[in-house]
Amino acid sequence: MRKWISLALILVLVLSFNVAAYADGDVTQAKPMTKEEIINSKECREAVKAAKIEFESQKADNAGGPVLFAPAPKVSHI
């Protein structure tokens, strides 16, 4: 009798786990966005505008300043 009760308990636990796993699996996956949708999205346009503003401000700050990048000197010997 005790074996039957423990077997029934194990089966109930296993089946309840399977039901919970299937319930979590019913969540619909979001459709991945295409390249055109990403480019035309509001967030992308705002990010591009912010990047342009940042670039223009850095360009204005460095207009009269020293050159930060220069070509490397020639190698005279190896």
Protein backbone atom coordinates (compact mmCIF):
# COMPACT_ATOMS: atom_id res chain seq x y z
CA MET A 1 0.00 0.00 0.00
CA ARG A 2 2.81 2.37 0.89
CA LYS A 3 4.46 1.74 -2.51
CA TRP A 4 1.26 2.72 -4.31
CA ILE A 5 0.94 5.95 -2.36
CA SER A 6 4.56 6.93 -3.00
CA LEU A 7 4.19 6.02 -6.69
CA ALA A 8 1.01 8.10 -6.95
CA LEU A 9 2.71 11.01 -5.22
CA ILE A 10 5.68 10.84 -7.58
CA LEU A 11 3.38 10.70 -10.62
CA VAL A 12 1.40 13.70 -9.40
CA LEU A 13 4.59 15.69 -8.91
CA VAL A 14 5.95 14.71 -12.32
CA LEU A 15 2.70 15.56 -14.08
CA SER A 16 2.38 18.88 -12.25
CA PHE A 17 5.93 19.77 -13.35
CA ASN A 18 5.05 18.98 -16.97
CA VAL A 19 1.91 21.11 -16.78
CA ALA A 20 3.91 24.03 -15.37
CA ALA A 21 6.55 23.63 -18.10
CA TYR A 22 3.89 23.69 -20.82
CA ALA A 23 2.20 26.70 -19.24
CA ASP A 24 5.48 28.64 -19.36
CA GLY A 25 6.07 27.57 -22.96
CA ASP A 26 2.88 29.22 -24.21
CA VAL A 27 4.46 32.66 -24.11
CA THR A 28 4.64 33.97 -27.66
CA GLN A 29 8.05 34.96 -28.88
CA ALA A 30 8.52 38.47 -30.21
CA LYS A 31 9.08 38.59 -33.94
CA PRO A 32 12.61 39.80 -34.70
CA MET A 33 12.71 43.20 -36.33
CA THR A 34 13.97 43.59 -39.87
CA LYS A 35 16.74 45.98 -40.78
CA GLU A 36 14.27 48.44 -42.31
CA GLU A 37 12.11 48.41 -39.18
CA ILE A 38 15.13 49.10 -37.00
CA ILE A 39 16.35 51.96 -39.19
CA ASN A 40 12.88 53.52 -39.38
CA SER A 41 12.16 53.16 -35.67
CA LYS A 42 11.79 56.23 -33.47
CA GLU A 43 14.53 55.09 -31.07
CA CYS A 44 17.04 54.71 -33.90
CA ARG A 45 16.27 58.17 -35.30
CA GLU A 46 16.64 59.72 -31.83
CA ALA A 47 19.94 57.90 -31.28
CA VAL A 48 21.27 59.13 -34.62
CA LYS A 49 20.24 62.72 -33.83
CA ALA A 50 21.93 62.51 -30.42
CA ALA A 51 25.10 61.09 -32.00
CA LYS A 52 25.15 63.89 -34.59
CA ILE A 53 24.75 66.53 -31.88
CA GLU A 54 27.56 64.94 -29.85
CA PHE A 55 29.82 64.76 -32.92
CA GLU A 56 29.16 68.40 -33.82
CA SER A 57 29.90 69.51 -30.25
CA GLN A 58 33.18 67.56 -30.20
CA LYS A 59 34.06 68.94 -33.61
CA ALA A 60 33.42 72.49 -32.39
CA ASP A 61 35.50 71.91 -29.24
CA ASN A 62 38.47 70.61 -31.24
CA ALA A 63 38.30 73.19 -34.04
CA GLY A 64 41.22 75.31 -32.78
CA GLY A 65 42.92 72.75 -30.59
CA PRO A 66 45.94 70.60 -31.22
CA VAL A 67 45.83 67.68 -33.65
CA LEU A 68 45.38 64.53 -31.65
CA PHE A 69 46.22 62.11 -34.43
CA ALA A 70 49.30 62.27 -36.64
CA PRO A 71 51.02 59.80 -38.93
CA ALA A 72 53.65 57.60 -37.36
CA PRO A 73 57.27 58.51 -37.98
CA LYS A 74 59.08 56.62 -40.73
CA VAL A 75 60.93 53.51 -39.73
CA SER A 76 64.66 54.17 -40.25
CA HIS A 77 65.89 50.75 -39.26
CA ILE A 78 64.46 47.34 -38.56
